[in-house]
Amino acid sequence: MAGLDEAREAKAALRRELDGCDGVGGIGIAPDSAESPPTAYVVRVLVTDESAAARVPDEVHGVHVRVVLTGTIEAQ
C-alpha cells in the first residue's frame, strides 16, 4: 500500500516517463479504495486509446498504476 507521499513521487516519475506520449490525457493520484479517509493511493492515468494504455506500466516505484480509457476528450 502506498501512502500519499509515495504516490506523489511515483506520479512525478511517471509524468517524466510519459511526457510527450500521444494518447495520454492526464496523470493524477486517487484513493486505492473507498475507505474514508483513504489510507492507500494509486496513480491514475487517463488515456484515449488501447495503444496508449499499453505504454503505461502497472507499477512505478512500488505504487500501483490504474489506467482509465477515456476516449478522445474535446472542449465543448
N, C-alpha and C. Protein backbone atom coordinates (compact mmCIF):
# COMPACT_ATOMS: atom_id res chain seq x y z
N MET A 1 0.84 -1.18 0.00
CA MET A 1 0.00 0.00 0.00
C MET A 1 0.88 1.24 0.00
N ALA A 2 0.54 2.16 -0.87
CA ALA A 2 1.33 3.38 -0.98
C ALA A 2 0.62 4.54 -0.30
N GLY A 3 1.38 5.28 0.47
CA GLY A 3 0.85 6.48 1.08
C GLY A 3 0.85 7.63 0.08
N LEU A 4 0.35 8.76 0.51
CA LEU A 4 0.22 9.91 -0.37
C LEU A 4 1.58 10.41 -0.87
N ASP A 5 2.58 10.45 -0.01
CA ASP A 5 3.90 10.92 -0.43
C ASP A 5 4.51 10.01 -1.49
N GLU A 6 4.38 8.69 -1.30
CA GLU A 6 4.90 7.74 -2.29
C GLU A 6 4.16 7.89 -3.62
N ALA A 7 2.86 8.09 -3.55
CA ALA A 7 2.07 8.26 -4.78
C ALA A 7 2.48 9.54 -5.51
N ARG A 8 2.77 10.60 -4.77
CA ARG A 8 3.21 11.85 -5.40
C ARG A 8 4.55 11.66 -6.12
N GLU A 9 5.47 10.95 -5.48
CA GLU A 9 6.76 10.69 -6.11
C GLU A 9 6.60 9.83 -7.35
N ALA A 10 5.75 8.81 -7.28
CA ALA A 10 5.51 7.93 -8.42
C ALA A 10 4.85 8.70 -9.56
N LYS A 11 3.93 9.58 -9.23
CA LYS A 11 3.26 10.40 -10.25
C LYS A 11 4.27 11.26 -10.99
N ALA A 12 5.17 11.90 -10.26
CA ALA A 12 6.18 12.75 -10.88
C ALA A 12 7.08 11.93 -11.80
N ALA A 13 7.49 10.75 -11.36
CA ALA A 13 8.34 9.89 -12.18
C ALA A 13 7.61 9.43 -13.44
N LEU A 14 6.35 9.06 -13.29
CA LEU A 14 5.57 8.59 -14.43
C LEU A 14 5.31 9.73 -15.41
N ARG A 15 5.09 10.92 -14.90
CA ARG A 15 4.88 12.09 -15.77
C ARG A 15 6.13 12.31 -16.64
N ARG A 16 7.31 12.19 -16.05
CA ARG A 16 8.55 12.33 -16.83
C ARG A 16 8.65 11.22 -17.88
N GLU A 17 8.29 10.00 -17.49
CA GLU A 17 8.40 8.86 -18.40
C GLU A 17 7.43 8.97 -19.58
N LEU A 18 6.22 9.45 -19.34
CA LEU A 18 5.20 9.50 -20.38
C LEU A 18 5.12 10.86 -21.08
N ASP A 19 5.97 11.79 -20.71
CA ASP A 19 5.93 13.14 -21.29
C ASP A 19 6.02 13.06 -22.81
N GLY A 20 5.06 13.67 -23.48
CA GLY A 20 5.05 13.70 -24.94
C GLY A 20 4.43 12.49 -25.61
N CYS A 21 3.99 11.52 -24.85
CA CYS A 21 3.37 10.32 -25.43
C CYS A 21 1.96 10.65 -25.93
N ASP A 22 1.70 10.33 -27.19
CA ASP A 22 0.36 10.52 -27.74
C ASP A 22 -0.63 9.64 -27.00
N GLY A 23 -1.81 10.17 -26.78
CA GLY A 23 -2.88 9.39 -26.18
C GLY A 23 -2.96 9.45 -24.68
N VAL A 24 -2.01 10.12 -24.02
CA VAL A 24 -2.06 10.28 -22.56
C VAL A 24 -2.71 11.63 -22.28
N GLY A 25 -3.88 11.59 -21.64
CA GLY A 25 -4.64 12.81 -21.41
C GLY A 25 -4.43 13.43 -20.04
N GLY A 26 -3.97 12.64 -19.08
CA GLY A 26 -3.76 13.18 -17.75
C GLY A 26 -3.21 12.14 -16.80
N ILE A 27 -2.53 12.62 -15.77
CA ILE A 27 -1.96 11.75 -14.74
C ILE A 27 -2.30 12.36 -13.39
N GLY A 28 -2.86 11.56 -12.50
CA GLY A 28 -3.24 12.06 -11.19
C GLY A 28 -3.08 11.01 -10.11
N ILE A 29 -3.52 11.36 -8.92
CA ILE A 29 -3.48 10.46 -7.76
C ILE A 29 -4.91 10.22 -7.31
N ALA A 30 -5.20 8.98 -6.93
CA ALA A 30 -6.55 8.63 -6.49
C ALA A 30 -6.47 7.66 -5.32
N PRO A 31 -7.49 7.64 -4.47
CA PRO A 31 -7.55 6.63 -3.41
C PRO A 31 -7.60 5.24 -4.03
N ASP A 32 -6.98 4.27 -3.37
CA ASP A 32 -6.96 2.90 -3.87
C ASP A 32 -8.24 2.15 -3.54
N SER A 33 -9.04 2.69 -2.63
CA SER A 33 -10.29 2.02 -2.24
C SER A 33 -11.29 3.08 -1.79
N ALA A 34 -12.42 2.61 -1.35
CA ALA A 34 -13.48 3.52 -0.91
C ALA A 34 -13.36 3.89 0.57
N GLU A 35 -12.25 3.51 1.21
CA GLU A 35 -12.07 3.84 2.63
C GLU A 35 -12.12 5.35 2.84
N SER A 36 -12.66 5.75 3.95
CA SER A 36 -12.70 7.18 4.26
C SER A 36 -12.23 7.37 5.69
N PRO A 37 -11.16 8.08 5.94
CA PRO A 37 -10.28 8.69 4.95
C PRO A 37 -9.40 7.64 4.28
N PRO A 38 -8.92 7.94 3.07
CA PRO A 38 -8.09 6.96 2.35
C PRO A 38 -6.80 6.67 3.09
N THR A 39 -6.36 5.43 3.02
CA THR A 39 -5.09 5.06 3.63
C THR A 39 -4.08 4.62 2.58
N ALA A 40 -4.52 4.37 1.36
CA ALA A 40 -3.63 3.96 0.28
C ALA A 40 -4.03 4.68 -1.01
N TYR A 41 -3.02 4.93 -1.84
CA TYR A 41 -3.24 5.69 -3.06
C TYR A 41 -2.63 4.98 -4.26
N VAL A 42 -3.16 5.30 -5.44
CA VAL A 42 -2.63 4.81 -6.71
C VAL A 42 -2.41 6.02 -7.62
N VAL A 43 -1.64 5.80 -8.67
CA VAL A 43 -1.52 6.80 -9.72
C VAL A 43 -2.53 6.41 -10.79
N ARG A 44 -3.32 7.38 -11.23
CA ARG A 44 -4.34 7.13 -12.26
C ARG A 44 -3.92 7.86 -13.53
N VAL A 45 -3.94 7.11 -14.66
CA VAL A 45 -3.55 7.67 -15.95
C VAL A 45 -4.75 7.60 -16.89
N LEU A 46 -5.12 8.75 -17.45
CA LEU A 46 -6.20 8.82 -18.42
C LEU A 46 -5.61 8.70 -19.82
N VAL A 47 -6.13 7.74 -20.61
CA VAL A 47 -5.62 7.53 -21.96
C VAL A 47 -6.78 7.53 -22.95
N THR A 48 -6.47 7.87 -24.20
CA THR A 48 -7.51 7.96 -25.22
C THR A 48 -7.74 6.66 -25.95
N ASP A 49 -6.75 5.75 -25.93
CA ASP A 49 -6.91 4.50 -26.69
C ASP A 49 -6.05 3.38 -26.10
N GLU A 50 -6.28 2.18 -26.62
CA GLU A 50 -5.57 0.99 -26.11
C GLU A 50 -4.07 1.05 -26.36
N SER A 51 -3.64 1.66 -27.47
CA SER A 51 -2.20 1.72 -27.73
C SER A 51 -1.49 2.58 -26.69
N ALA A 52 -2.14 3.64 -26.25
CA ALA A 52 -1.56 4.47 -25.18
C ALA A 52 -1.56 3.68 -23.87
N ALA A 53 -2.63 2.95 -23.61
CA ALA A 53 -2.72 2.15 -22.38
C ALA A 53 -1.60 1.12 -22.30
N ALA A 54 -1.21 0.57 -23.45
CA ALA A 54 -0.16 -0.45 -23.48
C ALA A 54 1.20 0.11 -23.07
N ARG A 55 1.39 1.40 -23.17
CA ARG A 55 2.67 2.03 -22.80
C ARG A 55 2.78 2.37 -21.32
N VAL A 56 1.69 2.24 -20.59
CA VAL A 56 1.67 2.62 -19.17
C VAL A 56 2.05 1.41 -18.32
N PRO A 57 3.05 1.55 -17.45
CA PRO A 57 3.43 0.42 -16.58
C PRO A 57 2.37 0.13 -15.52
N ASP A 58 2.37 -1.08 -15.01
CA ASP A 58 1.43 -1.48 -13.95
C ASP A 58 1.80 -0.88 -12.60
N GLU A 59 3.08 -0.53 -12.45
CA GLU A 59 3.57 -0.06 -11.16
C GLU A 59 4.75 0.88 -11.38
N VAL A 60 4.87 1.89 -10.53
CA VAL A 60 6.00 2.81 -10.57
C VAL A 60 6.49 3.01 -9.14
N HIS A 61 7.76 2.68 -8.89
CA HIS A 61 8.35 2.83 -7.55
C HIS A 61 7.49 2.16 -6.48
N GLY A 62 6.91 1.01 -6.80
CA GLY A 62 6.11 0.28 -5.83
C GLY A 62 4.68 0.76 -5.68
N VAL A 63 4.28 1.75 -6.47
CA VAL A 63 2.92 2.29 -6.41
C VAL A 63 2.13 1.76 -7.60
N HIS A 64 0.95 1.21 -7.35
CA HIS A 64 0.12 0.68 -8.43
C HIS A 64 -0.36 1.81 -9.33
N VAL A 65 -0.47 1.49 -10.64
CA VAL A 65 -0.96 2.44 -11.63
C VAL A 65 -2.26 1.90 -12.20
N ARG A 66 -3.29 2.72 -12.22
CA ARG A 66 -4.59 2.36 -12.80
C ARG A 66 -4.79 3.18 -14.07
N VAL A 67 -5.15 2.50 -15.15
CA VAL A 67 -5.38 3.16 -16.44
C VAL A 67 -6.88 3.30 -16.65
N VAL A 68 -7.29 4.50 -17.07
CA VAL A 68 -8.70 4.77 -17.38
C VAL A 68 -8.78 5.14 -18.85
N LEU A 69 -9.49 4.33 -19.62
CA LEU A 69 -9.68 4.59 -21.04
C LEU A 69 -10.82 5.59 -21.21
N THR A 70 -10.49 6.80 -21.64
CA THR A 70 -11.48 7.88 -21.72
C THR A 70 -12.00 8.12 -23.12
N GLY A 71 -11.27 7.67 -24.12
CA GLY A 71 -11.57 8.10 -25.47
C GLY A 71 -11.04 9.51 -25.65
N THR A 72 -11.33 10.11 -26.79
CA THR A 72 -10.85 11.46 -27.06
C THR A 72 -11.64 12.48 -26.25
N ILE A 73 -10.93 13.37 -25.60
CA ILE A 73 -11.56 14.43 -24.81
C ILE A 73 -11.49 15.72 -25.61
N GLU A 74 -12.63 16.34 -25.84
CA GLU A 74 -12.68 17.57 -26.61
C GLU A 74 -13.45 18.65 -25.84
N ALA A 75 -12.98 19.88 -25.97
CA ALA A 75 -13.69 21.01 -25.35
C ALA A 75 -15.01 21.22 -26.07
N GLN A 76 -16.03 21.62 -25.32
CA GLN A 76 -17.33 21.86 -25.94
C GLN A 76 -17.69 23.32 -25.92
